[in-house]
């Protein structure tokens, strides 16, 4: 039986977080009452003229720089003609043969290895409206609020060879969009959407098979499932002597399968022609360079650096970088040079993330700073306070403008680590608990926990438990 390799290309549509729409002054805001954010321009009424929103171009060029694209300083916009109920103009203003950005790439981390995925193009376009379906009425209704919402479409090269590579690519694109403040990337609101193109080819060859496009893929985890399903479907068709036809299929995540929608259109089916109502886009070189200078280290590069320089796992690095607040706190705390990056990551992924989830607050809305966190972790790592005491200090640091050491002194949380002092306490406790010592020697290992607890009680919770355990075992060996 032949062996096949998966070939995947992704088309990411990201709604831009501009104040107004791409060609008119209507609010670009999600969740408002249906058909209240539309006007004659975005509805395509006869006699209206669109005007390009400069912020749309600015955000698209920034994304182009972030994905290492060349920027076309002279380009145009085109009409893409098709008939659909949510498209009142019967055409969409997009870009066809001369996109704003093209020929780029992004480096992502997959299973600890860097993978470069090509980016064919990034172009600007307007969104269509939205069809509303409900059991409360027959047929479908149309909400035109989304008409004219600005989009960038990011088209990858067919360089992706697995569902895990696709997920890594999408995570990188989403993180970059958020770091550059280009899109809020809320998939539940449709502000980032993805079309998936899948084909298969025989292993050992470079000849791509016929691709199938999937629509309605509403989450990145659904992308993984959709790719794996479609690849398996195509392999089964070929193994049974069939042929793959170019078509568009609808992904049904609830059923875990896709359904044929239509045969796939080619570019000529859309009858593209230059948009006659908009001027040519001309970008000055200084403008393009200035936008490039505003871009700092990108999240995909941070992930690689965190794994390489700080020894974090790929999953931990991605989780921290995925939140701008957590990432800033991590980097600022590391720069204090007081404690290990791994300990900082553990605190951020543990207690800090739990606090943020439970309280729905950002760290910037609390009293916690990188200096306070670094001092707290240093106290724990040096053995001056226990982990349990550290959690008590952390709770206070969130709400009070005090240092970790001030709280430790106020609450009497300093850990006793002096061996001579602890040895006296151990000797006293052990002399009063000979039965537990005998039990431990007879194989009842839980007696060790009891003895450690008694010693901790004698130190009023301030004894170093690791040192106490060590001294208890030493006492048992010697008696």
Protein backbone atom coordinates (compact mmCIF):
# COMPACT_ATOMS: atom_id res chain seq x y z
CA UNK A 1 0.00 0.00 0.00
CA UNK A 2 1.28 3.49 -0.89
CA UNK A 3 2.38 5.86 1.85
CA UNK A 4 1.24 9.47 1.71
CA UNK A 5 2.32 12.80 3.13
CA UNK A 6 -0.10 15.54 4.17
CA UNK A 7 0.20 18.95 2.49
CA UNK A 8 -1.62 21.84 4.16
CA UNK A 9 -2.07 25.50 3.28
CA UNK A 10 -3.99 27.90 5.54
CA UNK A 11 -5.90 31.10 4.81
CA UNK A 12 -6.29 33.13 8.00
CA UNK A 13 -8.83 35.97 7.98
CA UNK A 14 -8.27 38.43 10.82
CA UNK A 15 -10.64 41.30 11.56
CA UNK A 16 -8.68 44.46 12.33
CA UNK A 17 -9.44 46.35 15.53
CA UNK A 18 -9.85 49.78 13.92
CA UNK A 19 -12.44 52.19 15.29
CA UNK A 20 -14.32 52.42 12.00
CA UNK A 21 -14.89 50.17 9.01
CA UNK A 22 -12.61 49.91 6.01
CA UNK A 23 -14.47 52.19 3.56
CA UNK A 24 -16.91 54.20 5.69
CA UNK A 25 -17.24 55.78 9.13
CA UNK A 26 -19.57 53.14 10.65
CA UNK A 27 -18.45 51.75 14.02
CA UNK A 28 -16.34 48.62 13.88
CA UNK A 29 -17.78 47.00 16.99
CA UNK A 30 -19.02 43.49 17.69
CA UNK A 31 -22.25 42.50 19.42
CA UNK A 32 -24.45 45.55 18.75
CA UNK A 33 -28.09 45.28 17.72
CA UNK A 34 -28.47 43.82 14.25
CA UNK A 35 -28.35 46.20 11.27
CA UNK A 36 -27.55 49.28 13.39
CA UNK A 37 -23.93 49.70 12.25
CA UNK A 38 -24.37 49.99 8.51
CA UNK A 39 -24.79 52.86 6.05
CA UNK A 40 -25.36 53.38 2.32
CA UNK A 41 -21.60 52.97 1.65
CA UNK A 42 -21.07 49.60 3.32
CA UNK A 43 -24.46 48.48 1.98
CA UNK A 44 -23.31 49.36 -1.56
CA UNK A 45 -26.17 51.72 -2.40
CA UNK A 46 -26.04 53.28 -5.90
CA UNK A 47 -24.12 56.56 -6.04
CA UNK A 48 -22.01 55.97 -2.90
CA UNK A 49 -18.20 56.13 -2.93
CA UNK A 50 -15.86 54.29 -0.57
CA UNK A 51 -12.84 55.92 1.12
CA UNK A 52 -9.98 53.71 2.33
CA UNK A 53 -9.27 53.76 6.09
CA UNK A 54 -5.52 54.55 6.46
CA UNK A 55 -5.30 52.54 9.72
CA UNK A 56 -6.18 49.38 7.79
CA UNK A 57 -3.14 49.83 5.57
CA UNK A 58 -0.94 50.63 8.59
CA UNK A 59 -1.92 47.45 10.44
CA UNK A 60 -1.55 45.29 7.32
CA UNK A 61 1.95 46.66 6.63
CA UNK A 62 2.98 45.99 10.26
CA UNK A 63 1.83 42.39 9.92
CA UNK A 64 3.72 42.16 6.65
CA UNK A 65 6.92 43.29 8.35
CA UNK A 66 6.34 40.85 11.23
CA UNK A 67 6.04 37.98 8.73
CA UNK A 68 9.15 39.06 6.80
CA UNK A 69 7.18 40.04 3.69
CA UNK A 70 8.15 42.45 0.97
CA UNK A 71 5.81 45.44 0.94
CA UNK A 72 4.35 46.54 -2.38
CA UNK A 73 4.52 50.33 -2.08
CA UNK A 74 2.29 50.72 -5.13
CA UNK A 75 -0.75 48.47 -5.26
CA UNK A 76 -4.46 48.54 -5.98
CA UNK A 77 -7.74 47.08 -4.85
CA UNK A 78 -9.99 44.81 -6.87
CA UNK A 79 -13.59 43.73 -7.08
CA UNK A 80 -14.28 40.08 -6.40
CA UNK A 81 -17.70 39.33 -7.86
CA UNK A 82 -20.01 36.70 -6.44
CA UNK A 83 -23.64 36.42 -5.39
CA UNK A 84 -24.51 35.53 -1.82
CA UNK A 85 -27.31 36.76 0.49
CA UNK A 86 -24.92 38.39 2.99
CA UNK A 87 -23.12 40.41 0.30
CA UNK A 88 -25.46 43.28 -0.61
CA UNK A 89 -23.18 44.75 -3.30
CA UNK A 90 -22.79 41.37 -5.04
CA UNK A 91 -19.04 42.01 -4.96
CA UNK A 92 -16.33 42.26 -2.31
CA UNK A 93 -13.53 44.80 -2.43
CA UNK A 94 -10.32 42.82 -2.02
CA UNK A 95 -6.88 42.57 -3.66
CA UNK A 96 -6.09 40.15 -6.46
CA UNK A 97 -2.78 40.18 -8.35
CA UNK A 98 -0.92 42.89 -6.41
CA UNK A 99 -1.38 42.35 -2.65
CA UNK A 100 -0.06 44.80 -0.08
CA UNK A 101 2.46 42.23 1.30
CA UNK A 102 3.91 39.06 -0.21
CA UNK A 103 6.75 36.52 -0.17
CA UNK A 104 7.26 36.25 3.59
CA UNK A 105 7.74 33.55 6.20
CA UNK A 106 7.34 32.79 9.89
CA UNK A 107 9.50 30.53 12.08
CA UNK A 108 7.58 28.35 14.54
CA UNK A 109 8.57 25.77 17.13
CA UNK A 110 7.23 22.23 16.55
CA UNK A 111 8.24 19.48 18.97
CA UNK A 112 11.31 21.45 19.98
CA UNK A 113 12.46 22.05 16.40
CA UNK A 114 12.21 25.28 14.42
CA UNK A 115 10.16 25.08 11.24
CA UNK A 116 9.98 27.83 8.61
CA UNK A 117 6.59 28.23 6.93
CA UNK A 118 6.26 30.47 3.90
CA UNK A 119 3.66 33.23 3.66
CA UNK A 120 2.44 33.75 0.11
CA UNK A 121 0.65 37.05 0.67
CA UNK A 122 -1.24 39.36 2.99
CA UNK A 123 -3.97 41.46 1.46
CA UNK A 124 -6.68 43.78 2.75
CA UNK A 125 -10.38 43.32 2.08
CA UNK A 126 -13.82 43.97 3.51
CA UNK A 127 -15.88 41.41 5.40
CA UNK A 128 -19.33 40.30 4.31
CA UNK A 129 -22.46 40.31 6.46
CA UNK A 130 -23.67 37.40 8.54
CA UNK A 131 -26.56 35.02 7.99
CA UNK A 132 -28.66 34.30 11.08
CA UNK A 133 -30.32 30.92 11.48
CA UNK A 134 -32.71 29.98 14.28
CA UNK A 135 -35.43 27.51 15.12
CA UNK A 136 -37.57 30.51 16.07
CA UNK A 137 -38.20 31.49 12.44
CA UNK A 138 -38.23 29.95 8.98
CA UNK A 139 -35.47 30.65 6.50
CA UNK A 140 -32.53 32.91 7.34
CA UNK A 141 -32.13 36.56 8.29
CA UNK A 142 -29.17 38.79 7.43
CA UNK A 143 -27.22 41.08 9.76
CA UNK A 144 -25.28 43.64 7.71
CA UNK A 145 -23.33 45.08 10.66
CA UNK A 146 -20.26 43.08 9.62
CA UNK A 147 -20.32 44.37 6.03
CA UNK A 148 -17.24 46.53 5.53
CA UNK A 149 -15.42 45.37 8.68
CA UNK A 150 -11.72 45.47 7.71
CA UNK A 151 -9.90 42.17 7.22
CA UNK A 152 -6.44 41.02 6.37
CA UNK A 153 -6.13 37.62 4.74
CA UNK A 154 -2.86 35.81 5.47
CA UNK A 155 -2.20 33.01 2.98
CA UNK A 156 0.46 30.43 3.79
CA UNK A 157 2.55 28.45 1.34
CA UNK A 158 1.74 24.70 1.24
CA UNK A 159 4.70 24.09 3.59
CA UNK A 160 2.73 22.54 6.46
CA UNK A 161 3.09 18.77 6.74
CA UNK A 162 1.02 17.86 9.80
CA UNK A 163 -1.84 19.02 11.97
CA UNK A 164 0.63 19.86 14.77
CA UNK A 165 2.58 22.14 12.42
CA UNK A 166 -0.69 23.81 11.42
CA UNK A 167 -1.54 24.41 15.09
CA UNK A 168 1.93 25.86 15.78
CA UNK A 169 1.61 28.17 12.76
CA UNK A 170 -1.85 29.39 13.79
CA UNK A 171 -0.73 29.96 17.40
CA UNK A 172 2.19 32.05 16.09
CA UNK A 173 -0.03 34.12 13.77
CA UNK A 174 -2.56 34.77 16.54
CA UNK A 175 0.14 35.77 19.04
CA UNK A 176 1.75 38.18 16.56
CA UNK A 177 -1.62 39.78 15.76
CA UNK A 178 -2.24 40.33 19.47
CA UNK A 179 1.27 41.61 20.28
CA UNK A 180 1.08 44.15 17.46
CA UNK A 181 -2.45 45.19 18.54
CA UNK A 182 -3.80 44.42 15.08
CA UNK A 183 -6.71 42.14 16.03
CA UNK A 184 -8.31 40.95 19.27
CA UNK A 185 -8.36 37.41 17.78
CA UNK A 186 -11.58 36.39 19.54
CA UNK A 187 -12.57 33.25 17.64
CA UNK A 188 -15.91 33.09 19.45
CA UNK A 189 -16.76 36.47 17.88
CA UNK A 190 -15.44 35.50 14.46
CA UNK A 191 -12.61 38.03 14.53
CA UNK A 192 -10.13 35.39 13.41
CA UNK A 193 -11.24 32.65 11.04
CA UNK A 194 -9.44 30.04 9.03
CA UNK A 195 -9.96 28.19 5.75
CA UNK A 196 -8.00 24.96 5.47
CA UNK A 197 -6.61 23.53 2.22
CA UNK A 198 -5.56 19.88 2.37
CA UNK A 199 -4.02 17.58 -0.21
CA UNK A 200 -1.88 14.47 -0.01
CA UNK A 201 1.10 13.32 -2.06
CA UNK A 202 3.03 10.10 -2.26
CA UNK A 203 6.03 10.00 0.05
CA UNK A 204 9.28 10.48 -1.83
CA UNK A 205 7.71 12.69 -4.53
CA UNK A 206 7.20 16.44 -4.84
CA UNK A 207 3.98 16.28 -6.85
CA UNK A 208 1.09 17.75 -4.87
CA UNK A 209 -2.28 16.11 -5.04
CA UNK A 210 -5.59 17.86 -5.74
CA UNK A 211 -6.45 20.16 -2.86
CA UNK A 212 -9.73 20.37 -1.01
CA UNK A 213 -10.74 23.51 0.89
CA UNK A 214 -12.66 23.38 4.17
CA UNK A 215 -14.81 26.24 5.45
CA UNK A 216 -16.45 26.84 8.85
CA UNK A 217 -13.41 25.78 10.90
CA UNK A 218 -14.13 27.77 14.05
CA UNK A 219 -11.23 26.96 16.40
CA UNK A 220 -7.58 26.03 16.16
CA UNK A 221 -8.28 22.65 17.77
CA UNK A 222 -10.96 22.12 15.10
CA UNK A 223 -8.30 22.83 12.45
CA UNK A 224 -6.29 19.88 13.81
CA UNK A 225 -9.32 17.58 13.68
CA UNK A 226 -10.37 18.81 10.23
CA UNK A 227 -6.91 18.24 8.72
CA UNK A 228 -6.63 14.72 10.10
CA UNK A 229 -10.14 13.81 8.94
CA UNK A 230 -9.70 15.17 5.43
CA UNK A 231 -6.27 13.57 4.94
CA UNK A 232 -7.66 10.19 6.00
CA UNK A 233 -10.70 10.69 3.71
CA UNK A 234 -8.49 11.41 0.71
CA UNK A 235 -6.18 8.46 1.42
CA UNK A 236 -9.23 6.16 1.64
CA UNK A 237 -10.58 7.47 -1.69
CA UNK A 238 -7.24 6.87 -3.45
CA UNK A 239 -6.76 3.43 -1.88
CA UNK A 240 -10.19 2.46 -3.20
CA UNK A 241 -9.20 3.48 -6.74
CA UNK A 242 -11.02 6.83 -6.74
CA UNK A 243 -9.86 10.35 -7.61
CA UNK A 244 -9.79 13.52 -5.53
CA UNK A 245 -11.74 16.40 -7.07
CA UNK A 246 -11.13 20.08 -6.31
CA UNK A 247 -14.02 21.16 -4.11
CA UNK A 248 -15.09 23.14 -1.08
CA UNK A 249 -16.39 21.22 1.92
CA UNK A 250 -18.01 22.40 5.15
CA UNK A 251 -16.45 21.20 8.40
CA UNK A 252 -18.97 19.99 11.00
CA UNK A 253 -17.02 19.86 14.26
CA UNK A 254 -19.91 18.38 16.25
CA UNK A 255 -20.04 15.36 13.93
CA UNK A 256 -16.28 15.30 13.32
CA UNK A 257 -16.61 15.21 9.53
CA UNK A 258 -16.94 17.46 6.50
CA UNK A 259 -19.73 17.78 3.96
CA UNK A 260 -19.54 18.73 0.28
CA UNK A 261 -20.62 22.32 -0.40
CA UNK A 262 -19.64 23.00 -4.01
CA UNK A 263 -16.97 22.44 -6.62
CA UNK A 264 -14.07 24.80 -5.96
CA UNK A 265 -14.05 28.10 -7.80
CA UNK A 266 -10.93 29.37 -9.56
CA UNK A 267 -9.91 33.03 -9.78
CA UNK A 268 -11.59 33.52 -13.16
CA UNK A 269 -14.94 32.51 -11.63
CA UNK A 270 -14.85 35.68 -9.52
CA UNK A 271 -14.31 37.98 -12.55
CA UNK A 272 -11.74 40.13 -10.71
CA UNK A 273 -11.16 43.63 -12.07
CA UNK A 274 -9.56 46.79 -10.56
CA UNK A 275 -11.88 48.66 -8.18
CA UNK A 276 -12.85 51.80 -10.15
CA UNK A 277 -14.01 53.84 -7.14
CA UNK A 278 -10.71 53.74 -5.20
CA UNK A 279 -7.36 55.32 -5.96
CA UNK A 280 -4.09 53.40 -6.26
CA UNK A 281 -2.41 52.82 -2.88
CA UNK A 282 0.98 54.57 -2.84
CA UNK A 283 3.18 54.20 0.25
CA UNK A 284 6.23 56.37 0.87
CA UNK A 285 9.42 54.48 1.73
CA UNK A 286 9.84 56.46 4.98
CA UNK A 287 6.31 55.47 6.04
CA UNK A 288 7.00 51.78 5.44
CA UNK A 289 10.35 51.98 7.28
CA UNK A 290 8.82 53.80 10.25
CA UNK A 291 6.21 51.07 10.70
CA UNK A 292 8.96 48.44 10.61
CA UNK A 293 10.93 50.27 13.32
CA UNK A 294 7.95 50.05 15.68
CA UNK A 295 8.07 46.24 15.80
CA UNK A 296 9.88 44.75 18.80
CA UNK A 297 10.71 41.08 19.48
CA UNK A 298 7.83 38.95 18.27
CA UNK A 299 6.16 36.17 20.29
CA UNK A 300 7.35 33.29 18.08
CA UNK A 301 10.93 34.47 18.65
CA UNK A 302 10.27 34.80 22.39
CA UNK A 303 9.09 31.19 22.57
CA UNK A 304 12.30 29.93 20.94
CA UNK A 305 14.42 32.13 23.27
CA UNK A 306 12.57 31.03 26.41
CA UNK A 307 13.11 27.36 25.54
CA UNK A 308 16.74 27.85 24.50
CA UNK A 309 17.97 30.31 27.13
CA UNK A 310 15.78 29.55 30.15
CA UNK A 311 15.17 25.82 29.80
CA UNK A 312 11.37 26.11 29.69
CA UNK A 313 9.34 23.42 28.00
CA UNK A 314 7.74 24.38 24.69
CA UNK A 315 4.25 24.16 26.22
CA UNK A 316 5.21 26.39 29.18
CA UNK A 317 6.86 28.94 26.88
CA UNK A 318 3.82 29.08 24.58
CA UNK A 319 1.43 29.46 27.54
CA UNK A 320 3.41 32.37 29.00
CA UNK A 321 3.90 34.13 25.66
CA UNK A 322 0.21 33.69 24.80
CA UNK A 323 -0.60 36.31 27.47
CA UNK A 324 1.05 39.70 27.05
CA UNK A 325 0.65 40.40 30.80
CA UNK A 326 2.22 37.09 31.86
CA UNK A 327 5.03 37.42 29.34
CA UNK A 328 5.95 40.92 30.52
CA UNK A 329 5.90 39.82 34.17
CA UNK A 330 8.11 36.82 33.33
CA UNK A 331 10.69 38.87 31.43
CA UNK A 332 10.75 41.69 33.98
CA UNK A 333 11.16 39.23 36.86
CA UNK A 334 13.94 37.35 35.07
CA UNK A 335 15.75 40.66 34.51
CA UNK A 336 15.89 41.16 38.32
CA UNK A 337 18.53 38.36 38.39
CA UNK A 338 17.43 37.12 41.81
CA UNK A 339 15.93 33.71 41.11
CA UNK A 340 15.75 30.98 38.49
CA UNK A 341 13.62 31.51 35.34
CA UNK A 342 12.09 28.04 35.83
CA UNK A 343 10.81 29.00 39.31
CA UNK A 344 9.38 32.24 37.90
CA UNK A 345 7.60 30.30 35.16
CA UNK A 346 6.17 27.85 37.72
CA UNK A 347 4.73 30.70 39.79
CA UNK A 348 3.24 32.42 36.74
CA UNK A 349 1.72 29.20 35.40
CA UNK A 350 0.52 28.15 38.85
CA UNK A 351 -0.59 30.61 41.53
CA UNK A 352 -0.59 33.71 39.32
CA UNK A 353 -2.63 32.11 36.53
CA UNK A 354 -5.08 30.71 39.09
CA UNK A 355 -5.49 34.16 40.63
CA UNK A 356 -6.07 35.76 37.21
CA UNK A 357 -8.64 33.11 36.26
CA UNK A 358 -10.50 33.28 39.57
CA UNK A 359 -10.49 37.06 39.98
CA UNK A 360 -10.78 37.99 36.26
CA UNK A 361 -8.09 40.60 37.00
CA UNK A 362 -4.84 41.36 35.21
CA UNK A 363 -1.59 41.54 37.20
CA UNK A 364 -1.35 45.24 36.33
CA UNK A 365 -4.56 45.73 38.31
CA UNK A 366 -2.92 44.44 41.52
CA UNK A 367 -0.04 45.55 43.77
CA UNK A 368 2.22 42.73 42.54
CA UNK A 369 5.35 43.81 40.65
CA UNK A 370 8.28 41.97 39.12
CA UNK A 371 10.53 43.22 41.94
CA UNK A 372 8.19 41.82 44.61
CA UNK A 373 7.82 38.50 42.81
CA UNK A 374 11.58 38.13 42.35
CA UNK A 375 12.18 38.83 46.05
CA UNK A 376 9.49 36.33 47.08
CA UNK A 377 10.92 33.53 44.92
CA UNK A 378 14.45 34.33 46.13
CA UNK A 379 13.30 33.93 49.74
CA UNK A 380 11.87 30.50 48.92
CA UNK A 381 14.85 29.34 46.86
CA UNK A 382 17.30 30.39 49.59
CA UNK A 383 15.33 28.44 52.20
CA UNK A 384 14.45 31.54 54.23
CA UNK A 385 10.72 30.81 53.92
CA UNK A 386 8.81 27.67 53.02
CA UNK A 387 6.62 27.20 49.97
CA UNK A 388 3.55 27.31 52.19
CA UNK A 389 4.70 30.60 53.72
CA UNK A 390 5.43 31.88 50.21
CA UNK A 391 1.81 31.37 49.22
CA UNK A 392 0.67 33.39 52.24
CA UNK A 393 3.08 36.19 51.33
CA UNK A 394 1.89 36.09 47.70
CA UNK A 395 -1.74 36.62 48.73
CA UNK A 396 -0.73 39.74 50.69
CA UNK A 397 1.56 41.08 47.92
CA UNK A 398 -1.41 41.18 45.55
CA UNK A 399 -3.28 43.61 47.78
CA UNK A 400 -0.73 45.55 49.85
CA UNK A 401 2.07 47.90 48.88
CA UNK A 402 4.75 46.07 50.90
CA UNK A 403 7.86 44.08 50.06
CA UNK A 404 7.99 40.31 50.53
CA UNK A 405 10.55 40.62 53.33
CA UNK A 406 8.43 43.16 55.21
CA UNK A 407 5.49 40.74 55.17
CA UNK A 408 7.69 37.81 56.24
CA UNK A 409 8.95 39.75 59.25
CA UNK A 410 5.48 41.08 60.17
CA UNK A 411 3.91 37.60 60.06
CA UNK A 412 6.88 35.76 61.61
CA UNK A 413 7.21 33.48 58.59
CA UNK A 414 10.99 33.23 58.47
CA UNK A 415 11.98 29.58 58.17
CA UNK A 416 14.38 28.02 60.70
CA UNK A 417 17.18 26.34 58.79
CA UNK A 418 19.93 26.44 61.42
CA UNK A 419 20.93 22.79 61.83
CA UNK A 420 21.97 23.05 65.47
CA UNK A 421 18.66 24.65 66.46
CA UNK A 422 16.64 22.12 64.49
CA UNK A 423 18.63 19.21 65.88
CA UNK A 424 17.70 20.18 69.43
CA UNK A 425 14.03 20.22 68.51
CA UNK A 426 14.29 16.85 66.71
CA UNK A 427 16.01 15.23 69.68
CA UNK A 428 13.30 16.43 72.03
CA UNK A 429 10.42 15.34 69.76
CA UNK A 430 11.99 11.95 69.06
CA UNK A 431 12.57 11.19 72.75
CA UNK A 432 8.83 11.69 73.32
CA UNK A 433 7.72 9.52 70.39
CA UNK A 434 9.62 6.23 70.71
CA UNK A 435 6.59 4.21 69.55
CA UNK A 436 6.55 6.06 66.21
CA UNK A 437 10.26 5.37 65.77
CA UNK A 438 9.63 1.67 66.37
CA UNK A 439 6.69 1.73 63.93
CA UNK A 440 8.90 3.29 61.23
CA UNK A 441 11.60 0.66 61.77
CA UNK A 442 8.92 -2.01 61.43
CA UNK A 443 7.97 -0.73 57.99
CA UNK A 444 5.18 1.75 58.81
CA UNK A 445 6.58 4.54 56.62
CA UNK A 446 3.70 6.92 57.40
CA UNK A 447 5.23 7.26 60.88
CA UNK A 448 7.88 9.49 59.26
CA UNK A 449 5.19 11.97 58.22
CA UNK A 450 3.82 12.01 61.76
CA UNK A 451 7.27 12.68 63.24
CA UNK A 452 7.95 15.46 60.74
CA UNK A 453 4.59 17.00 61.60
CA UNK A 454 5.39 16.93 65.31
CA UNK A 455 8.71 18.66 64.66
CA UNK A 456 7.00 21.31 62.48
CA UNK A 457 4.50 21.87 65.28
CA UNK A 458 7.34 22.33 67.76
CA UNK A 459 8.87 25.00 65.49
CA UNK A 460 5.46 26.70 65.11
CA UNK A 461 5.56 25.89 61.41
CA UNK A 462 8.84 27.68 60.83
CA UNK A 463 11.17 24.68 60.60
CA UNK A 464 12.66 23.74 57.25
CA UNK A 465 10.76 20.49 56.53
CA UNK A 466 13.47 19.06 54.26
CA UNK A 467 16.15 19.59 56.93
CA UNK A 468 13.86 18.26 59.65
CA UNK A 469 13.19 15.09 57.68
CA UNK A 470 16.92 14.65 57.13
CA UNK A 471 17.67 15.06 60.86
CA UNK A 472 14.83 12.68 61.82
CA UNK A 473 16.22 9.93 59.57
CA UNK A 474 19.69 10.57 60.95
CA UNK A 475 18.34 10.24 64.53
CA UNK A 476 16.57 6.95 63.67
CA UNK A 477 19.74 5.53 62.08
CA UNK A 478 21.78 6.39 65.16
CA UNK A 479 19.34 4.99 67.74
